[in-house]
N, C-alpha and C. Protein backbone atom coordinates (compact mmCIF):
# COMPACT_ATOMS: atom_id res chain seq x y z
N MET A 1 -114.52 67.75 -53.05
CA MET A 1 -115.44 67.54 -51.96
C MET A 1 -116.86 67.88 -52.45
N THR A 2 -117.81 67.05 -52.06
CA THR A 2 -119.19 67.27 -52.50
C THR A 2 -119.94 68.09 -51.47
N GLN A 3 -120.89 68.83 -51.97
CA GLN A 3 -121.71 69.65 -51.08
C GLN A 3 -122.78 68.77 -50.43
N ARG A 4 -123.06 68.95 -49.15
CA ARG A 4 -124.06 68.14 -48.44
C ARG A 4 -125.45 68.59 -48.86
N SER A 5 -126.36 67.62 -48.98
CA SER A 5 -127.75 67.94 -49.29
C SER A 5 -128.47 68.31 -48.00
N ARG A 6 -129.62 68.88 -48.15
CA ARG A 6 -130.40 69.24 -46.96
C ARG A 6 -130.77 68.01 -46.14
N ASN A 7 -130.97 66.87 -46.75
CA ASN A 7 -131.33 65.64 -46.04
C ASN A 7 -130.20 65.12 -45.18
N ASP A 8 -128.97 65.52 -45.51
CA ASP A 8 -127.81 65.05 -44.74
C ASP A 8 -127.50 65.96 -43.54
N ALA A 9 -128.22 67.05 -43.41
CA ALA A 9 -127.95 68.00 -42.34
C ALA A 9 -128.21 67.35 -40.98
N LYS A 10 -127.37 67.70 -40.00
CA LYS A 10 -127.51 67.16 -38.65
C LYS A 10 -127.81 68.30 -37.70
N LEU A 11 -128.61 68.00 -36.69
CA LEU A 11 -128.89 68.99 -35.68
C LEU A 11 -127.77 68.98 -34.65
N SER A 12 -127.34 70.15 -34.26
CA SER A 12 -126.30 70.24 -33.24
C SER A 12 -126.91 69.97 -31.88
N PRO A 13 -126.12 69.47 -30.93
CA PRO A 13 -126.64 69.22 -29.58
C PRO A 13 -127.25 70.47 -28.94
N SER A 14 -126.73 71.65 -29.28
CA SER A 14 -127.27 72.88 -28.66
C SER A 14 -128.69 73.16 -29.12
N ILE A 15 -129.12 72.60 -30.23
CA ILE A 15 -130.49 72.74 -30.71
C ILE A 15 -131.31 71.51 -30.34
N LEU A 16 -130.71 70.33 -30.46
CA LEU A 16 -131.43 69.08 -30.25
C LEU A 16 -131.89 68.90 -28.80
N ILE A 17 -131.03 69.21 -27.85
CA ILE A 17 -131.37 69.00 -26.43
C ILE A 17 -132.56 69.85 -26.00
N PRO A 18 -132.58 71.17 -26.27
CA PRO A 18 -133.77 71.95 -25.90
C PRO A 18 -135.03 71.48 -26.62
N MET A 19 -134.90 71.03 -27.86
CA MET A 19 -136.08 70.53 -28.58
C MET A 19 -136.64 69.29 -27.90
N LEU A 20 -135.77 68.38 -27.50
CA LEU A 20 -136.21 67.16 -26.82
C LEU A 20 -136.86 67.48 -25.47
N LEU A 21 -136.28 68.44 -24.74
CA LEU A 21 -136.88 68.85 -23.47
C LEU A 21 -138.27 69.43 -23.68
N LEU A 22 -138.43 70.27 -24.69
CA LEU A 22 -139.73 70.87 -24.98
C LEU A 22 -140.75 69.80 -25.34
N VAL A 23 -140.35 68.83 -26.15
CA VAL A 23 -141.25 67.74 -26.53
C VAL A 23 -141.67 66.96 -25.28
N GLY A 24 -140.75 66.71 -24.37
CA GLY A 24 -141.06 66.00 -23.14
C GLY A 24 -142.04 66.75 -22.26
N VAL A 25 -141.83 68.06 -22.11
CA VAL A 25 -142.74 68.88 -21.31
C VAL A 25 -144.12 68.90 -21.93
N LEU A 26 -144.19 69.09 -23.24
CA LEU A 26 -145.48 69.11 -23.91
C LEU A 26 -146.19 67.77 -23.79
N ALA A 27 -145.46 66.68 -23.91
CA ALA A 27 -146.07 65.35 -23.78
C ALA A 27 -146.59 65.12 -22.37
N ALA A 28 -145.85 65.60 -21.37
CA ALA A 28 -146.24 65.38 -19.97
C ALA A 28 -147.44 66.21 -19.57
N THR A 29 -147.62 67.38 -20.21
CA THR A 29 -148.67 68.28 -19.75
C THR A 29 -149.84 68.41 -20.71
N SER A 30 -149.82 67.72 -21.82
CA SER A 30 -150.92 67.88 -22.77
C SER A 30 -152.15 67.14 -22.31
N GLY A 31 -153.29 67.77 -22.40
CA GLY A 31 -154.58 67.13 -22.12
C GLY A 31 -154.80 66.71 -20.69
N LEU A 32 -154.18 67.38 -19.74
CA LEU A 32 -154.30 66.93 -18.35
C LEU A 32 -155.72 66.99 -17.82
N ALA A 33 -156.44 68.03 -18.12
CA ALA A 33 -157.78 68.16 -17.53
C ALA A 33 -158.66 66.99 -17.93
N GLY A 34 -158.57 66.55 -19.18
CA GLY A 34 -159.40 65.45 -19.64
C GLY A 34 -158.93 64.11 -19.12
N ASP A 35 -157.63 63.97 -18.87
CA ASP A 35 -157.06 62.71 -18.44
C ASP A 35 -156.97 62.59 -16.92
N HIS A 36 -157.28 63.64 -16.23
CA HIS A 36 -157.13 63.67 -14.78
C HIS A 36 -158.24 62.84 -14.13
N PRO A 37 -157.88 61.95 -13.20
CA PRO A 37 -158.91 61.12 -12.56
C PRO A 37 -159.82 61.94 -11.66
N GLY A 38 -160.99 61.41 -11.43
CA GLY A 38 -161.91 62.04 -10.51
C GLY A 38 -162.92 62.94 -11.19
N GLU A 39 -163.48 63.83 -10.38
CA GLU A 39 -164.52 64.73 -10.86
C GLU A 39 -164.22 66.14 -10.38
N PRO A 40 -164.75 67.14 -11.08
CA PRO A 40 -164.51 68.52 -10.64
C PRO A 40 -165.05 68.75 -9.23
N PHE A 41 -164.33 69.54 -8.45
CA PHE A 41 -164.74 69.83 -7.08
C PHE A 41 -166.00 70.69 -7.06
N SER A 42 -166.91 70.32 -6.17
CA SER A 42 -168.04 71.19 -5.82
C SER A 42 -168.28 71.01 -4.33
N LYS A 43 -168.70 72.08 -3.68
CA LYS A 43 -168.96 72.03 -2.25
C LYS A 43 -170.06 71.02 -1.93
N ALA A 44 -171.09 70.99 -2.77
CA ALA A 44 -172.20 70.06 -2.52
C ALA A 44 -171.71 68.61 -2.55
N ARG A 45 -170.88 68.27 -3.52
CA ARG A 45 -170.37 66.89 -3.62
C ARG A 45 -169.44 66.57 -2.46
N PHE A 46 -168.57 67.52 -2.11
CA PHE A 46 -167.65 67.34 -1.00
C PHE A 46 -168.42 67.12 0.31
N ASP A 47 -169.43 67.96 0.56
CA ASP A 47 -170.25 67.81 1.77
C ASP A 47 -170.96 66.47 1.81
N ALA A 48 -171.52 66.04 0.66
CA ALA A 48 -172.24 64.77 0.60
C ALA A 48 -171.30 63.60 0.89
N LEU A 49 -170.11 63.62 0.28
CA LEU A 49 -169.15 62.54 0.51
C LEU A 49 -168.68 62.53 1.97
N GLN A 50 -168.48 63.71 2.53
CA GLN A 50 -168.06 63.77 3.93
C GLN A 50 -169.14 63.19 4.84
N SER A 51 -170.40 63.51 4.57
CA SER A 51 -171.48 63.01 5.42
C SER A 51 -171.63 61.50 5.31
N GLU A 52 -171.19 60.93 4.19
CA GLU A 52 -171.22 59.46 4.01
C GLU A 52 -170.02 58.78 4.66
N GLY A 53 -169.05 59.57 5.14
CA GLY A 53 -167.84 58.99 5.70
C GLY A 53 -166.90 58.45 4.64
N ALA A 54 -167.01 58.97 3.43
CA ALA A 54 -166.24 58.46 2.29
C ALA A 54 -164.76 58.83 2.37
N LEU A 55 -163.97 58.10 1.62
CA LEU A 55 -162.55 58.38 1.45
C LEU A 55 -162.43 59.35 0.27
N ILE A 56 -161.94 60.57 0.55
CA ILE A 56 -161.93 61.65 -0.44
C ILE A 56 -160.51 62.19 -0.59
N LEU A 57 -160.02 62.21 -1.82
CA LEU A 57 -158.75 62.87 -2.12
C LEU A 57 -159.08 64.17 -2.84
N VAL A 58 -158.79 65.30 -2.18
CA VAL A 58 -158.94 66.60 -2.82
C VAL A 58 -157.62 66.89 -3.50
N ASP A 59 -157.66 67.03 -4.81
CA ASP A 59 -156.46 67.17 -5.62
C ASP A 59 -156.45 68.56 -6.26
N VAL A 60 -155.58 69.44 -5.75
CA VAL A 60 -155.46 70.79 -6.29
C VAL A 60 -154.49 70.72 -7.47
N PHE A 61 -155.03 70.90 -8.67
CA PHE A 61 -154.22 70.70 -9.86
C PHE A 61 -154.33 71.90 -10.80
N ALA A 62 -153.38 71.93 -11.73
CA ALA A 62 -153.42 72.91 -12.82
C ALA A 62 -153.09 72.16 -14.10
N PRO A 63 -153.77 72.47 -15.19
CA PRO A 63 -153.54 71.73 -16.43
C PRO A 63 -152.14 71.92 -17.01
N TRP A 64 -151.42 72.93 -16.58
CA TRP A 64 -150.08 73.21 -17.08
C TRP A 64 -149.00 72.63 -16.17
N CYS A 65 -149.38 71.94 -15.12
CA CYS A 65 -148.46 71.48 -14.07
C CYS A 65 -147.95 70.06 -14.36
N GLY A 66 -146.66 69.94 -14.60
CA GLY A 66 -146.07 68.62 -14.85
C GLY A 66 -146.15 67.70 -13.64
N THR A 67 -145.97 68.24 -12.44
CA THR A 67 -146.08 67.44 -11.21
C THR A 67 -147.50 66.90 -11.06
N CYS A 68 -148.48 67.74 -11.42
CA CYS A 68 -149.89 67.31 -11.35
C CYS A 68 -150.14 66.14 -12.29
N ALA A 69 -149.49 66.16 -13.45
CA ALA A 69 -149.64 65.05 -14.41
C ALA A 69 -149.08 63.76 -13.82
N GLN A 70 -147.96 63.85 -13.13
CA GLN A 70 -147.38 62.67 -12.49
C GLN A 70 -148.32 62.15 -11.40
N GLN A 71 -148.87 63.07 -10.62
CA GLN A 71 -149.80 62.67 -9.56
C GLN A 71 -151.06 62.02 -10.14
N ALA A 72 -151.55 62.57 -11.24
CA ALA A 72 -152.75 62.00 -11.88
C ALA A 72 -152.50 60.56 -12.30
N ALA A 73 -151.32 60.30 -12.86
CA ALA A 73 -150.98 58.93 -13.27
C ALA A 73 -150.94 58.00 -12.05
N LEU A 74 -150.38 58.49 -10.94
CA LEU A 74 -150.32 57.67 -9.72
C LEU A 74 -151.72 57.37 -9.19
N ILE A 75 -152.58 58.39 -9.18
CA ILE A 75 -153.94 58.19 -8.69
C ILE A 75 -154.67 57.17 -9.56
N SER A 76 -154.52 57.28 -10.86
CA SER A 76 -155.16 56.32 -11.77
C SER A 76 -154.66 54.91 -11.52
N ARG A 77 -153.34 54.78 -11.32
CA ARG A 77 -152.77 53.44 -11.04
C ARG A 77 -153.32 52.90 -9.72
N TYR A 78 -153.41 53.76 -8.72
CA TYR A 78 -153.94 53.31 -7.43
C TYR A 78 -155.38 52.83 -7.57
N GLN A 79 -156.20 53.63 -8.23
CA GLN A 79 -157.61 53.26 -8.37
C GLN A 79 -157.77 51.96 -9.17
N ALA A 80 -156.93 51.75 -10.18
CA ALA A 80 -157.00 50.51 -10.96
C ALA A 80 -156.58 49.31 -10.12
N ALA A 81 -155.57 49.50 -9.26
CA ALA A 81 -155.06 48.40 -8.44
C ALA A 81 -155.90 48.15 -7.19
N HIS A 82 -156.63 49.17 -6.72
CA HIS A 82 -157.36 49.06 -5.46
C HIS A 82 -158.79 49.58 -5.58
N PRO A 83 -159.60 48.98 -6.42
CA PRO A 83 -160.98 49.47 -6.54
C PRO A 83 -161.77 49.31 -5.24
N GLU A 84 -161.35 48.39 -4.39
CA GLU A 84 -162.04 48.17 -3.12
C GLU A 84 -161.86 49.34 -2.16
N ALA A 85 -160.89 50.21 -2.43
CA ALA A 85 -160.66 51.36 -1.55
C ALA A 85 -161.77 52.40 -1.67
N LYS A 86 -162.52 52.37 -2.76
CA LYS A 86 -163.63 53.30 -2.98
C LYS A 86 -163.19 54.75 -2.76
N LEU A 87 -162.08 55.10 -3.42
CA LEU A 87 -161.51 56.44 -3.33
C LEU A 87 -162.26 57.39 -4.26
N HIS A 88 -162.70 58.52 -3.71
CA HIS A 88 -163.35 59.57 -4.49
C HIS A 88 -162.34 60.70 -4.66
N VAL A 89 -162.08 61.08 -5.91
CA VAL A 89 -161.13 62.15 -6.19
C VAL A 89 -161.91 63.38 -6.64
N LEU A 90 -161.70 64.49 -5.93
CA LEU A 90 -162.32 65.76 -6.29
C LEU A 90 -161.20 66.72 -6.71
N ARG A 91 -161.27 67.18 -7.96
CA ARG A 91 -160.24 68.05 -8.51
C ARG A 91 -160.59 69.53 -8.27
N VAL A 92 -159.70 70.24 -7.58
CA VAL A 92 -159.83 71.68 -7.42
C VAL A 92 -158.91 72.31 -8.47
N ASP A 93 -159.48 73.13 -9.35
CA ASP A 93 -158.70 73.80 -10.39
C ASP A 93 -157.94 74.97 -9.76
N PHE A 94 -156.63 74.88 -9.72
CA PHE A 94 -155.80 75.88 -9.07
C PHE A 94 -156.02 77.28 -9.63
N ASP A 95 -156.21 77.37 -10.93
CA ASP A 95 -156.38 78.67 -11.58
C ASP A 95 -157.82 79.17 -11.52
N GLY A 96 -158.78 78.27 -11.54
CA GLY A 96 -160.18 78.66 -11.65
C GLY A 96 -161.00 78.61 -10.37
N GLN A 97 -160.46 78.00 -9.31
CA GLN A 97 -161.22 77.86 -8.06
C GLN A 97 -160.39 78.37 -6.87
N LYS A 98 -159.94 79.61 -6.97
CA LYS A 98 -159.06 80.19 -5.94
C LYS A 98 -159.70 80.18 -4.55
N GLU A 99 -161.03 80.34 -4.48
CA GLU A 99 -161.72 80.30 -3.19
C GLU A 99 -161.44 78.97 -2.48
N TRP A 100 -161.47 77.87 -3.23
CA TRP A 100 -161.26 76.55 -2.63
C TRP A 100 -159.78 76.27 -2.41
N VAL A 101 -158.92 76.84 -3.25
CA VAL A 101 -157.48 76.72 -3.02
C VAL A 101 -157.17 77.33 -1.65
N ARG A 102 -157.71 78.52 -1.38
CA ARG A 102 -157.51 79.18 -0.08
C ARG A 102 -158.18 78.39 1.05
N PHE A 103 -159.41 77.92 0.82
CA PHE A 103 -160.14 77.16 1.84
C PHE A 103 -159.33 75.96 2.33
N PHE A 104 -158.70 75.24 1.38
CA PHE A 104 -157.94 74.05 1.75
C PHE A 104 -156.51 74.38 2.18
N GLY A 105 -156.12 75.65 2.11
CA GLY A 105 -154.77 76.04 2.52
C GLY A 105 -153.70 75.50 1.60
N ALA A 106 -154.03 75.37 0.33
CA ALA A 106 -153.07 74.82 -0.63
C ALA A 106 -152.05 75.90 -1.00
N PRO A 107 -150.78 75.69 -0.69
CA PRO A 107 -149.78 76.70 -1.01
C PRO A 107 -149.48 76.82 -2.50
N ARG A 108 -149.81 75.78 -3.25
CA ARG A 108 -149.55 75.77 -4.69
C ARG A 108 -150.33 74.63 -5.33
N GLN A 109 -150.30 74.60 -6.66
CA GLN A 109 -150.88 73.45 -7.36
C GLN A 109 -150.09 72.21 -6.94
N SER A 110 -150.63 71.06 -7.21
CA SER A 110 -150.06 69.76 -6.83
C SER A 110 -150.18 69.49 -5.33
N THR A 111 -151.10 70.20 -4.67
CA THR A 111 -151.39 69.93 -3.26
C THR A 111 -152.49 68.87 -3.20
N GLN A 112 -152.33 67.91 -2.30
CA GLN A 112 -153.33 66.85 -2.13
C GLN A 112 -153.70 66.75 -0.65
N LEU A 113 -155.01 66.62 -0.42
CA LEU A 113 -155.53 66.48 0.93
C LEU A 113 -156.42 65.25 0.95
N LEU A 114 -156.20 64.38 1.92
CA LEU A 114 -156.98 63.15 2.03
C LEU A 114 -157.89 63.24 3.25
N TYR A 115 -159.16 62.98 3.01
CA TYR A 115 -160.17 63.01 4.07
C TYR A 115 -160.81 61.64 4.21
N LYS A 116 -161.08 61.29 5.44
CA LYS A 116 -161.90 60.14 5.78
C LYS A 116 -163.12 60.74 6.46
N GLY A 117 -164.19 60.89 5.67
CA GLY A 117 -165.34 61.62 6.19
C GLY A 117 -164.96 63.07 6.38
N THR A 118 -165.16 63.59 7.59
CA THR A 118 -164.84 64.99 7.87
C THR A 118 -163.43 65.19 8.41
N GLU A 119 -162.73 64.11 8.66
CA GLU A 119 -161.38 64.21 9.23
C GLU A 119 -160.31 64.23 8.14
N ARG A 120 -159.48 65.27 8.16
CA ARG A 120 -158.34 65.29 7.23
C ARG A 120 -157.26 64.40 7.81
N VAL A 121 -156.84 63.39 7.04
CA VAL A 121 -155.88 62.41 7.55
C VAL A 121 -154.51 62.51 6.89
N TRP A 122 -154.39 63.34 5.83
CA TRP A 122 -153.11 63.45 5.12
C TRP A 122 -153.10 64.72 4.31
N PHE A 123 -151.92 65.32 4.18
CA PHE A 123 -151.74 66.55 3.42
C PHE A 123 -150.35 66.47 2.79
N ALA A 124 -150.25 66.78 1.51
CA ALA A 124 -148.94 66.75 0.85
C ALA A 124 -148.91 67.77 -0.28
N VAL A 125 -147.71 68.26 -0.54
CA VAL A 125 -147.49 69.19 -1.65
C VAL A 125 -146.42 68.60 -2.56
N ALA A 126 -146.77 68.47 -3.83
CA ALA A 126 -145.84 68.01 -4.88
C ALA A 126 -145.33 66.59 -4.62
N GLU A 127 -146.12 65.76 -3.97
CA GLU A 127 -145.71 64.38 -3.68
C GLU A 127 -145.90 63.51 -4.92
N THR A 128 -144.81 62.94 -5.43
CA THR A 128 -144.88 62.09 -6.62
C THR A 128 -144.28 60.71 -6.38
N ARG A 129 -143.97 60.40 -5.13
CA ARG A 129 -143.45 59.06 -4.84
C ARG A 129 -144.64 58.11 -4.65
N GLU A 130 -144.69 57.10 -5.50
CA GLU A 130 -145.80 56.14 -5.45
C GLU A 130 -145.92 55.52 -4.07
N SER A 131 -144.81 55.14 -3.46
CA SER A 131 -144.87 54.46 -2.16
C SER A 131 -145.51 55.35 -1.10
N VAL A 132 -145.24 56.64 -1.13
CA VAL A 132 -145.79 57.55 -0.13
C VAL A 132 -147.29 57.74 -0.34
N LEU A 133 -147.68 58.02 -1.59
CA LEU A 133 -149.10 58.22 -1.88
C LEU A 133 -149.90 56.95 -1.62
N PHE A 134 -149.41 55.81 -2.12
CA PHE A 134 -150.13 54.55 -1.94
C PHE A 134 -150.24 54.20 -0.46
N SER A 135 -149.19 54.46 0.32
CA SER A 135 -149.22 54.16 1.75
C SER A 135 -150.29 55.00 2.45
N ALA A 136 -150.35 56.29 2.14
CA ALA A 136 -151.36 57.16 2.76
C ALA A 136 -152.76 56.70 2.39
N LEU A 137 -152.97 56.38 1.12
CA LEU A 137 -154.29 55.93 0.68
C LEU A 137 -154.66 54.59 1.31
N ASN A 138 -153.70 53.67 1.36
CA ASN A 138 -153.97 52.36 1.96
C ASN A 138 -154.29 52.47 3.45
N GLN A 139 -153.56 53.33 4.16
CA GLN A 139 -153.82 53.50 5.59
C GLN A 139 -155.22 54.05 5.83
N ALA A 140 -155.60 55.05 5.04
CA ALA A 140 -156.93 55.64 5.21
C ALA A 140 -158.02 54.66 4.79
N ALA A 141 -157.78 53.93 3.72
CA ALA A 141 -158.77 52.96 3.25
C ALA A 141 -158.87 51.76 4.18
N ALA A 142 -157.81 51.50 4.93
CA ALA A 142 -157.81 50.34 5.84
C ALA A 142 -158.91 50.43 6.87
N LEU A 143 -159.35 51.65 7.22
CA LEU A 143 -160.44 51.79 8.17
C LEU A 143 -161.68 51.06 7.65
N ASP A 144 -161.97 51.25 6.37
CA ASP A 144 -163.11 50.56 5.76
C ASP A 144 -162.80 49.08 5.57
N GLN A 145 -161.57 48.79 5.16
CA GLN A 145 -161.20 47.40 4.90
C GLN A 145 -161.25 46.58 6.18
N ALA A 146 -160.83 47.16 7.30
CA ALA A 146 -160.87 46.43 8.57
C ALA A 146 -162.31 46.08 8.93
N ALA A 147 -163.21 47.03 8.75
CA ALA A 147 -164.62 46.77 9.04
C ALA A 147 -165.16 45.69 8.11
N ALA A 148 -164.77 45.74 6.84
CA ALA A 148 -165.23 44.73 5.88
C ALA A 148 -164.67 43.35 6.24
N LEU A 149 -163.41 43.31 6.67
CA LEU A 149 -162.81 42.03 7.07
C LEU A 149 -163.51 41.47 8.31
N ASP A 150 -163.83 42.34 9.28
CA ASP A 150 -164.55 41.89 10.47
C ASP A 150 -165.92 41.32 10.09
N GLN A 151 -166.60 42.02 9.17
CA GLN A 151 -167.92 41.55 8.73
C GLN A 151 -167.79 40.21 8.00
N ALA A 152 -166.78 40.09 7.15
CA ALA A 152 -166.57 38.83 6.41
C ALA A 152 -166.24 37.70 7.37
N ALA A 153 -165.41 37.98 8.38
CA ALA A 153 -165.07 36.95 9.36
C ALA A 153 -166.31 36.51 10.14
N ALA A 154 -167.17 37.44 10.50
CA ALA A 154 -168.40 37.10 11.22
C ALA A 154 -169.31 36.25 10.34
N LEU A 155 -169.41 36.58 9.07
CA LEU A 155 -170.22 35.78 8.15
C LEU A 155 -169.65 34.38 7.98
N ASP A 156 -168.30 34.30 7.86
CA ASP A 156 -167.65 33.00 7.76
C ASP A 156 -167.91 32.16 9.00
N GLN A 157 -167.84 32.78 10.17
CA GLN A 157 -168.07 32.07 11.41
C GLN A 157 -169.52 31.59 11.49
N ALA A 158 -170.45 32.43 11.09
CA ALA A 158 -171.86 32.04 11.12
C ALA A 158 -172.10 30.90 10.14
N ALA A 159 -171.50 30.96 8.96
CA ALA A 159 -171.65 29.89 7.98
C ALA A 159 -171.06 28.59 8.50
N ALA A 160 -169.92 28.66 9.16
CA ALA A 160 -169.28 27.46 9.72
C ALA A 160 -170.15 26.84 10.82
N LEU A 161 -170.76 27.68 11.66
CA LEU A 161 -171.64 27.17 12.71
C LEU A 161 -172.88 26.49 12.11
N GLU A 162 -173.45 27.11 11.06
CA GLU A 162 -174.61 26.51 10.39
C GLU A 162 -174.24 25.16 9.77
N GLU A 163 -173.06 25.12 9.14
CA GLU A 163 -172.62 23.87 8.51
C GLU A 163 -172.39 22.78 9.57
N ALA A 164 -171.79 23.15 10.69
CA ALA A 164 -171.55 22.19 11.76
C ALA A 164 -172.87 21.67 12.33
N ALA A 165 -173.84 22.57 12.49
CA ALA A 165 -175.15 22.17 13.00
C ALA A 165 -175.84 21.23 12.01
N ALA A 166 -175.71 21.51 10.71
CA ALA A 166 -176.34 20.66 9.69
C ALA A 166 -175.68 19.29 9.68
N LEU A 167 -174.35 19.24 9.80
CA LEU A 167 -173.64 17.95 9.84
C LEU A 167 -174.03 17.17 11.09
N ASP A 168 -174.13 17.87 12.22
CA ASP A 168 -174.50 17.24 13.47
C ASP A 168 -175.91 16.66 13.37
N GLU A 169 -176.82 17.42 12.76
CA GLU A 169 -178.20 16.94 12.59
C GLU A 169 -178.27 15.75 11.64
N ALA A 170 -177.47 15.79 10.58
CA ALA A 170 -177.46 14.71 9.60
C ALA A 170 -176.89 13.43 10.22
N ALA A 171 -175.98 13.59 11.18
CA ALA A 171 -175.38 12.45 11.83
C ALA A 171 -176.29 11.87 12.91
N GLY A 172 -177.43 12.55 13.11
CA GLY A 172 -178.40 12.02 14.05
C GLY A 172 -178.22 12.55 15.46
N GLY A 173 -177.47 13.60 15.57
CA GLY A 173 -177.21 14.10 16.93
C GLY A 173 -177.70 15.44 17.11
């Protein structure tokens, strides 16, 4: 029988499985602060956006939080798919901004609060289902979209009336 070389050595499942889990956790949580959508929270920015009636997602995150990484990916996908929603994301650092964590009543990192101007319209903790997050964002953004659709319809109607008047005038009537 020949002796096995070091290159032929195999990892046992009891070593391989924890290693793979560790690699997955590290991959999911590496570089979150830099990859996280939005801008750092500040009271001045929050107040300004509220006074504009903007759509604001306050995202209480921690760079070590795997759930926060999943939420960040969902927010990025939403913003890419729905730029018309004009969603502003303000990141509250769970570890570094405890005053604001308490202010928003966030029980833990991965808490999200959605505001339409000064009105809080949605609150969730650890929500990672795309359908739930997208639905909440779409419902809140629909307030602006409905107004935009009404304005577009009015413009279309005015343009149609102008065109009809021009055709009527051209026909001699």
